């Protein structure tokens, strides 16, 4: 399952997110989206987990405060 995480504190790292999501199951990857011009975080990230762990993470972390920001945590869906 691919998970979008938005409204992150700009100081949040992939390691921070890996550790946060690990409590719900195996984290396959955690990637912060960086601005190509400034090299700074855009405040968004993508997490990859198995479906059961991802569902639990979304249910428990959406709208939760992490590093002084309310996170937006949703499953990535592709509309065709």
PDB file of N, CA and C in Angstrom:
ATOM      1  N   UNK A   1       0.846  -1.175   0.000  1.00  0.00           N
ATOM      2  CA  UNK A   1       0.000   0.000   0.000  1.00  0.00           C
ATOM      3  C   UNK A   1       0.888   1.234   0.000  1.00  0.00           C
ATOM      4  N   UNK A   2       0.535   2.204  -0.828  1.00  0.00           N
ATOM      5  CA  UNK A   2       1.237   3.478  -0.863  1.00  0.00           C
ATOM      6  C   UNK A   2       0.422   4.499  -0.085  1.00  0.00           C
ATOM      7  N   UNK A   3       1.107   5.247   0.766  1.00  0.00           N
ATOM      8  CA  UNK A   3       0.464   6.200   1.660  1.00  0.00           C
ATOM      9  C   UNK A   3       1.060   7.578   1.428  1.00  0.00           C
ATOM     10  N   UNK A   4       0.188   8.575   1.306  1.00  0.00           N
ATOM     11  CA  UNK A   4       0.605   9.970   1.207  1.00  0.00           C
ATOM     12  C   UNK A   4       0.530  10.590   2.597  1.00  0.00           C
ATOM     13  N   UNK A   5       1.565  11.321   2.963  1.00  0.00           N
ATOM     14  CA  UNK A   5       1.579  12.046   4.237  1.00  0.00           C
ATOM     15  C   UNK A   5       1.822  13.512   3.907  1.00  0.00           C
ATOM     16  N   UNK A   6       0.879  14.358   4.288  1.00  0.00           N
ATOM     17  CA  UNK A   6       0.998  15.787   4.004  1.00  0.00           C
ATOM     18  C   UNK A   6       0.993  16.615   5.268  1.00  0.00           C
ATOM     19  N   UNK A   7       1.273  17.894   5.096  1.00  0.00           N
ATOM     20  CA  UNK A   7       1.311  18.877   6.172  1.00  0.00           C
ATOM     21  C   UNK A   7       2.357  18.523   7.233  1.00  0.00           C
ATOM     22  N   UNK A   8       3.491  18.034   6.773  1.00  0.00           N
ATOM     23  CA  UNK A   8       4.574  17.689   7.695  1.00  0.00           C
ATOM     24  C   UNK A   8       5.381  18.914   8.081  1.00  0.00           C
ATOM     25  N   UNK A   9       5.932  18.877   9.267  1.00  0.00           N
ATOM     26  CA  UNK A   9       6.913  19.861   9.693  1.00  0.00           C
ATOM     27  C   UNK A   9       8.081  19.766   8.711  1.00  0.00           C
ATOM     28  N   UNK A  10       8.599  20.888   8.275  1.00  0.00           N
ATOM     29  CA  UNK A  10       9.679  20.903   7.270  1.00  0.00           C
ATOM     30  C   UNK A  10      10.961  20.237   7.776  1.00  0.00           C
ATOM     31  N   UNK A  11      11.080  20.032   9.080  1.00  0.00           N
ATOM     32  CA  UNK A  11      12.274  19.387   9.645  1.00  0.00           C
ATOM     33  C   UNK A  11      12.121  17.867   9.766  1.00  0.00           C
ATOM     34  N   UNK A  12      10.953  17.345   9.400  1.00  0.00           N
ATOM     35  CA  UNK A  12      10.719  15.901   9.463  1.00  0.00           C
ATOM     36  C   UNK A  12      11.594  15.198   8.437  1.00  0.00           C
ATOM     37  N   UNK A  13      12.228  14.113   8.856  1.00  0.00           N
ATOM     38  CA  UNK A  13      13.071  13.328   7.950  1.00  0.00           C
ATOM     39  C   UNK A  13      12.399  11.991   7.634  1.00  0.00           C
ATOM     40  N   UNK A  14      12.927  11.312   6.640  1.00  0.00           N
ATOM     41  CA  UNK A  14      12.433   9.979   6.293  1.00  0.00           C
ATOM     42  C   UNK A  14      12.623   9.032   7.480  1.00  0.00           C
ATOM     43  N   UNK A  15      13.701   9.205   8.217  1.00  0.00           N
ATOM     44  CA  UNK A  15      13.946   8.358   9.390  1.00  0.00           C
ATOM     45  C   UNK A  15      12.864   8.578  10.454  1.00  0.00           C
ATOM     46  N   UNK A  16      12.489   9.827  10.691  1.00  0.00           N
ATOM     47  CA  UNK A  16      11.406  10.116  11.645  1.00  0.00           C
ATOM     48  C   UNK A  16      10.140   9.368  11.252  1.00  0.00           C
ATOM     49  N   UNK A  17       9.778   9.461   9.964  1.00  0.00           N
ATOM     50  CA  UNK A  17       8.553   8.803   9.495  1.00  0.00           C
ATOM     51  C   UNK A  17       8.666   7.293   9.549  1.00  0.00           C
ATOM     52  N   UNK A  18       9.828   6.766   9.185  1.00  0.00           N
ATOM     53  CA  UNK A  18      10.046   5.321   9.248  1.00  0.00           C
ATOM     54  C   UNK A  18       9.773   4.822  10.658  1.00  0.00           C
ATOM     55  N   UNK A  19      10.328   5.505  11.647  1.00  0.00           N
ATOM     56  CA  UNK A  19      10.146   5.102  13.048  1.00  0.00           C
ATOM     57  C   UNK A  19       8.687   5.250  13.486  1.00  0.00           C
ATOM     58  N   UNK A  20       8.014   6.308  13.058  1.00  0.00           N
ATOM     59  CA  UNK A  20       6.618   6.539  13.424  1.00  0.00           C
ATOM     60  C   UNK A  20       5.718   5.440  12.855  1.00  0.00           C
ATOM     61  N   UNK A  21       5.881   5.111  11.587  1.00  0.00           N
ATOM     62  CA  UNK A  21       5.014   4.136  10.925  1.00  0.00           C
ATOM     63  C   UNK A  21       5.377   2.697  11.298  1.00  0.00           C
ATOM     64  N   UNK A  22       6.585   2.463  11.738  1.00  0.00           N
ATOM     65  CA  UNK A  22       7.046   1.116  12.100  1.00  0.00           C
ATOM     66  C   UNK A  22       6.205   0.488  13.205  1.00  0.00           C
ATOM     67  N   UNK A  23       5.604   1.295  14.064  1.00  0.00           N
ATOM     68  CA  UNK A  23       4.785   0.755  15.152  1.00  0.00           C
ATOM     69  C   UNK A  23       3.550   0.014  14.634  1.00  0.00           C
ATOM     70  N   UNK A  24       3.201   0.217  13.351  1.00  0.00           N
ATOM     71  CA  UNK A  24       2.015  -0.438  12.779  1.00  0.00           C
ATOM     72  C   UNK A  24       2.368  -1.622  11.891  1.00  0.00           C
ATOM     73  N   UNK A  25       3.645  -1.841  11.633  1.00  0.00           N
ATOM     74  CA  UNK A  25       4.078  -2.971  10.819  1.00  0.00           C
ATOM     75  C   UNK A  25       5.286  -2.603   9.977  1.00  0.00           C
ATOM     76  N   UNK A  26       5.658  -3.526   9.108  1.00  0.00           N
ATOM     77  CA  UNK A  26       6.852  -3.353   8.284  1.00  0.00           C
ATOM     78  C   UNK A  26       6.706  -2.166   7.335  1.00  0.00           C
ATOM     79  N   UNK A  27       7.704  -1.285   7.371  1.00  0.00           N
ATOM     80  CA  UNK A  27       7.773  -0.144   6.457  1.00  0.00           C
ATOM     81  C   UNK A  27       8.737  -0.529   5.338  1.00  0.00           C
ATOM     82  N   UNK A  28       8.233  -0.533   4.119  1.00  0.00           N
ATOM     83  CA  UNK A  28       9.061  -0.893   2.965  1.00  0.00           C
ATOM     84  C   UNK A  28       9.920   0.296   2.544  1.00  0.00           C
ATOM     85  N   UNK A  29       9.315   1.480   2.533  1.00  0.00           N
ATOM     86  CA  UNK A  29      10.080   2.684   2.204  1.00  0.00           C
ATOM     87  C   UNK A  29       9.396   3.914   2.784  1.00  0.00           C
ATOM     88  N   UNK A  30      10.203   4.934   3.006  1.00  0.00           N
ATOM     89  CA  UNK A  30       9.720   6.235   3.477  1.00  0.00           C
ATOM     90  C   UNK A  30      10.529   7.285   2.723  1.00  0.00           C
ATOM     91  N   UNK A  31       9.820   8.173   2.012  1.00  0.00           N
ATOM     92  CA  UNK A  31      10.505   9.161   1.173  1.00  0.00           C
ATOM     93  C   UNK A  31       9.876  10.535   1.344  1.00  0.00           C
ATOM     94  N   UNK A  32      10.692  11.502   1.703  1.00  0.00           N
ATOM     95  CA  UNK A  32      10.259  12.900   1.807  1.00  0.00           C
ATOM     96  C   UNK A  32      10.348  13.514   0.411  1.00  0.00           C
ATOM     97  N   UNK A  33       9.347  14.283   0.019  1.00  0.00           N
ATOM     98  CA  UNK A  33       9.370  14.977  -1.262  1.00  0.00           C
ATOM     99  C   UNK A  33      10.139  16.281  -1.071  1.00  0.00           C
ATOM    100  N   UNK A  34      11.177  16.451  -1.885  1.00  0.00           N
ATOM    101  CA  UNK A  34      12.032  17.628  -1.775  1.00  0.00           C
ATOM    102  C   UNK A  34      11.796  18.568  -2.952  1.00  0.00           C
ATOM    103  N   UNK A  35      11.873  19.851  -2.701  1.00  0.00           N
ATOM    104  CA  UNK A  35      11.779  20.857  -3.754  1.00  0.00           C
ATOM    105  C   UNK A  35      13.080  20.824  -4.557  1.00  0.00           C
ATOM    106  N   UNK A  36      12.974  20.653  -5.857  1.00  0.00           N
ATOM    107  CA  UNK A  36      14.173  20.505  -6.684  1.00  0.00           C
ATOM    108  C   UNK A  36      15.003  21.789  -6.773  1.00  0.00           C
ATOM    109  N   UNK A  37      14.379  22.932  -6.590  1.00  0.00           N
ATOM    110  CA  UNK A  37      15.126  24.183  -6.676  1.00  0.00           C
ATOM    111  C   UNK A  37      15.815  24.556  -5.373  1.00  0.00           C
ATOM    112  N   UNK A  38      15.129  24.353  -4.250  1.00  0.00           N
ATOM    113  CA  UNK A  38      15.691  24.779  -2.960  1.00  0.00           C
ATOM    114  C   UNK A  38      16.370  23.638  -2.212  1.00  0.00           C
ATOM    115  N   UNK A  39      15.989  22.402  -2.526  1.00  0.00           N
ATOM    116  CA  UNK A  39      16.533  21.262  -1.803  1.00  0.00           C
ATOM    117  C   UNK A  39      15.889  21.055  -0.443  1.00  0.00           C
ATOM    118  N   UNK A  40      14.842  21.838  -0.143  1.00  0.00           N
ATOM    119  CA  UNK A  40      14.146  21.727   1.134  1.00  0.00           C
ATOM    120  C   UNK A  40      12.899  20.856   1.003  1.00  0.00           C
ATOM    121  N   UNK A  41      12.441  20.347   2.116  1.00  0.00           N
ATOM    122  CA  UNK A  41      11.230  19.535   2.154  1.00  0.00           C
ATOM    123  C   UNK A  41      10.017  20.343   1.702  1.00  0.00           C
ATOM    124  N   UNK A  42       9.122  19.673   0.974  1.00  0.00           N
ATOM    125  CA  UNK A  42       7.855  20.304   0.588  1.00  0.00           C
ATOM    126  C   UNK A  42       6.793  20.090   1.658  1.00  0.00           C
ATOM    127  N   UNK A  43       7.108  19.312   2.690  1.00  0.00           N
ATOM    128  CA  UNK A  43       6.136  19.013   3.741  1.00  0.00           C
ATOM    129  C   UNK A  43       5.269  17.811   3.406  1.00  0.00           C
ATOM    130  N   UNK A  44       5.685  17.046   2.391  1.00  0.00           N
ATOM    131  CA  UNK A  44       4.938  15.857   1.973  1.00  0.00           C
ATOM    132  C   UNK A  44       5.884  14.660   1.930  1.00  0.00           C
ATOM    133  N   UNK A  45       5.280  13.471   2.052  1.00  0.00           N
ATOM    134  CA  UNK A  45       6.082  12.250   1.988  1.00  0.00           C
ATOM    135  C   UNK A  45       5.233  11.110   1.461  1.00  0.00           C
ATOM    136  N   UNK A  46       5.910  10.050   1.062  1.00  0.00           N
ATOM    137  CA  UNK A  46       5.254   8.810   0.649  1.00  0.00           C
ATOM    138  C   UNK A  46       5.838   7.668   1.461  1.00  0.00           C
ATOM    139  N   UNK A  47       4.958   6.832   1.983  1.00  0.00           N
ATOM    140  CA  UNK A  47       5.332   5.659   2.771  1.00  0.00           C
ATOM    141  C   UNK A  47       4.789   4.444   2.040  1.00  0.00           C
ATOM    142  N   UNK A  48       5.564   3.381   1.992  1.00  0.00           N
ATOM    143  CA  UNK A  48       5.076   2.124   1.430  1.00  0.00           C
ATOM    144  C   UNK A  48       5.092   1.063   2.523  1.00  0.00           C
ATOM    145  N   UNK A  49       3.943   0.409   2.717  1.00  0.00           N
ATOM    146  CA  UNK A  49       3.768  -0.632   3.729  1.00  0.00           C
ATOM    147  C   UNK A  49       2.868  -1.723   3.150  1.00  0.00           C
ATOM    148  N   UNK A  50       2.780  -2.875   3.841  1.00  0.00           N
ATOM    149  CA  UNK A  50       1.796  -3.861   3.391  1.00  0.00           C
ATOM    150  C   UNK A  50       0.400  -3.344   3.728  1.00  0.00           C
ATOM    151  N   UNK A  51      -0.619  -3.935   3.123  1.00  0.00           N
ATOM    152  CA  UNK A  51      -1.986  -3.404   3.231  1.00  0.00           C
ATOM    153  C   UNK A  51      -2.517  -3.332   4.655  1.00  0.00           C
ATOM    154  N   UNK A  52      -2.353  -4.392   5.438  1.00  0.00           N
ATOM    155  CA  UNK A  52      -2.889  -4.390   6.808  1.00  0.00           C
ATOM    156  C   UNK A  52      -2.210  -3.341   7.669  1.00  0.00           C
ATOM    157  N   UNK A  53      -0.886  -3.272   7.588  1.00  0.00           N
ATOM    158  CA  UNK A  53      -0.141  -2.290   8.373  1.00  0.00           C
ATOM    159  C   UNK A  53      -0.475  -0.873   7.915  1.00  0.00           C
ATOM    160  N   UNK A  54      -0.597  -0.680   6.607  1.00  0.00           N
ATOM    161  CA  UNK A  54      -0.917   0.630   6.062  1.00  0.00           C
ATOM    162  C   UNK A  54      -2.285   1.114   6.495  1.00  0.00           C
ATOM    163  N   UNK A  55      -3.254   0.213   6.482  1.00  0.00           N
ATOM    164  CA  UNK A  55      -4.608   0.567   6.917  1.00  0.00           C
ATOM    165  C   UNK A  55      -4.606   1.003   8.378  1.00  0.00           C
ATOM    166  N   UNK A  56      -3.893   0.261   9.216  1.00  0.00           N
ATOM    167  CA  UNK A  56      -3.804   0.606  10.639  1.00  0.00           C
ATOM    168  C   UNK A  56      -3.097   1.948  10.831  1.00  0.00           C
ATOM    169  N   UNK A  57      -2.037   2.181  10.068  1.00  0.00           N
ATOM    170  CA  UNK A  57      -1.300   3.444  10.186  1.00  0.00           C
ATOM    171  C   UNK A  57      -2.178   4.624   9.792  1.00  0.00           C
ATOM    172  N   UNK A  58      -2.909   4.500   8.694  1.00  0.00           N
ATOM    173  CA  UNK A  58      -3.786   5.581   8.250  1.00  0.00           C
ATOM    174  C   UNK A  58      -4.847   5.865   9.304  1.00  0.00           C
ATOM    175  N   UNK A  59      -5.468   4.822   9.804  1.00  0.00           N
ATOM    176  CA  UNK A  59      -6.539   4.971  10.793  1.00  0.00           C
ATOM    177  C   UNK A  59      -6.026   5.667  12.059  1.00  0.00           C
ATOM    178  N   UNK A  60      -4.808   5.359  12.459  1.00  0.00           N
ATOM    179  CA  UNK A  60      -4.287   5.890  13.718  1.00  0.00           C
ATOM    180  C   UNK A  60      -3.506   7.204  13.600  1.00  0.00           C
ATOM    181  N   UNK A  61      -2.993   7.517  12.420  1.00  0.00           N
ATOM    182  CA  UNK A  61      -2.122   8.685  12.302  1.00  0.00           C
ATOM    183  C   UNK A  61      -2.748   9.879  11.595  1.00  0.00           C
ATOM    184  N   UNK A  62      -3.823   9.680  10.842  1.00  0.00           N
ATOM    185  CA  UNK A  62      -4.439  10.809  10.154  1.00  0.00           C
ATOM    186  C   UNK A  62      -4.941  11.831  11.178  1.00  0.00           C
ATOM    187  N   UNK A  63      -4.629  13.082  10.937  1.00  0.00           N
ATOM    188  CA  UNK A  63      -4.987  14.213  11.818  1.00  0.00           C
ATOM    189  C   UNK A  63      -4.311  14.161  13.184  1.00  0.00           C
ATOM    190  N   UNK A  64      -3.228  13.420  13.293  1.00  0.00           N
ATOM    191  CA  UNK A  64      -2.459  13.364  14.539  1.00  0.00           C
ATOM    192  C   UNK A  64      -1.330  14.398  14.485  1.00  0.00           C
ATOM    193  N   UNK A  65      -1.037  14.985  15.630  1.00  0.00           N
ATOM    194  CA  UNK A  65       0.072  15.935  15.700  1.00  0.00           C
ATOM    195  C   UNK A  65       1.384  15.155  15.744  1.00  0.00           C
ATOM    196  N   UNK A  66       2.296  15.510  14.842  1.00  0.00           N
ATOM    197  CA  UNK A  66       3.637  14.929  14.816  1.00  0.00           C
ATOM    198  C   UNK A  66       4.616  16.070  14.537  1.00  0.00           C
ATOM    199  N   UNK A  67       5.551  16.266  15.417  1.00  0.00           N
ATOM    200  CA  UNK A  67       6.535  17.342  15.316  1.00  0.00           C
ATOM    201  C   UNK A  67       5.830  18.700  15.137  1.00  0.00           C
ATOM    202  N   UNK A  68       4.790  18.920  15.935  1.00  0.00           N
ATOM    203  CA  UNK A  68       4.040  20.181  15.999  1.00  0.00           C
ATOM    204  C   UNK A  68       3.219  20.507  14.754  1.00  0.00           C
ATOM    205  N   UNK A  69       2.883  19.501  13.955  1.00  0.00           N
ATOM    206  CA  UNK A  69       2.010  19.707  12.794  1.00  0.00           C
ATOM    207  C   UNK A  69       0.987  18.582  12.729  1.00  0.00           C
ATOM    208  N   UNK A  70      -0.251  18.934  12.364  1.00  0.00           N
ATOM    209  CA  UNK A  70      -1.279  17.917  12.141  1.00  0.00           C
ATOM    210  C   UNK A  70      -1.021  17.259  10.794  1.00  0.00           C
ATOM    211  N   UNK A  71      -0.744  15.973  10.807  1.00  0.00           N
ATOM    212  CA  UNK A  71      -0.463  15.245   9.573  1.00  0.00           C
ATOM    213  C   UNK A  71      -1.747  14.885   8.845  1.00  0.00           C
ATOM    214  N   UNK A  72      -1.674  14.866   7.539  1.00  0.00           N
ATOM    215  CA  UNK A  72      -2.719  14.337   6.674  1.00  0.00           C
ATOM    216  C   UNK A  72      -2.178  13.006   6.156  1.00  0.00           C
ATOM    217  N   UNK A  73      -2.852  11.901   6.477  1.00  0.00           N
ATOM    218  CA  UNK A  73      -2.364  10.574   6.104  1.00  0.00           C
ATOM    219  C   UNK A  73      -3.475   9.843   5.351  1.00  0.00           C
ATOM    220  N   UNK A  74      -3.214   9.538   4.082  1.00  0.00           N
ATOM    221  CA  UNK A  74      -4.219   8.903   3.230  1.00  0.00           C
ATOM    222  C   UNK A  74      -3.586   7.876   2.306  1.00  0.00           C
ATOM    223  N   UNK A  75      -4.389   6.905   1.892  1.00  0.00           N
ATOM    224  CA  UNK A  75      -3.936   5.951   0.894  1.00  0.00           C
ATOM    225  C   UNK A  75      -3.840   6.666  -0.453  1.00  0.00           C
ATOM    226  N   UNK A  76      -2.786   6.360  -1.179  1.00  0.00           N
ATOM    227  CA  UNK A  76      -2.639   6.912  -2.520  1.00  0.00           C
ATOM    228  C   UNK A  76      -3.552   6.109  -3.439  1.00  0.00           C
ATOM    229  N   UNK A  77      -4.446   6.810  -4.111  1.00  0.00           N
ATOM    230  CA  UNK A  77      -5.339   6.155  -5.071  1.00  0.00           C
ATOM    231  C   UNK A  77      -5.112   6.792  -6.429  1.00  0.00           C
ATOM    232  N   UNK A  78      -5.131   5.972  -7.441  1.00  0.00           N
ATOM    233  CA  UNK A  78      -4.945   6.449  -8.803  1.00  0.00           C
ATOM    234  C   UNK A  78      -6.269   6.346  -9.530  1.00  0.00           C
ATOM    235  N   UNK A  79      -6.754   7.462 -10.016  1.00  0.00           N
ATOM    236  CA  UNK A  79      -8.011   7.476 -10.766  1.00  0.00           C
ATOM    237  C   UNK A  79      -7.695   7.414 -12.255  1.00  0.00           C
ATOM    238  N   UNK A  80      -8.272   6.489 -12.937  1.00  0.00           N
ATOM    239  CA  UNK A  80      -8.029   6.339 -14.391  1.00  0.00           C
ATOM    240  C   UNK A  80      -9.137   6.937 -15.165  1.00  0.00           C
TER     241      UNK A  80
END
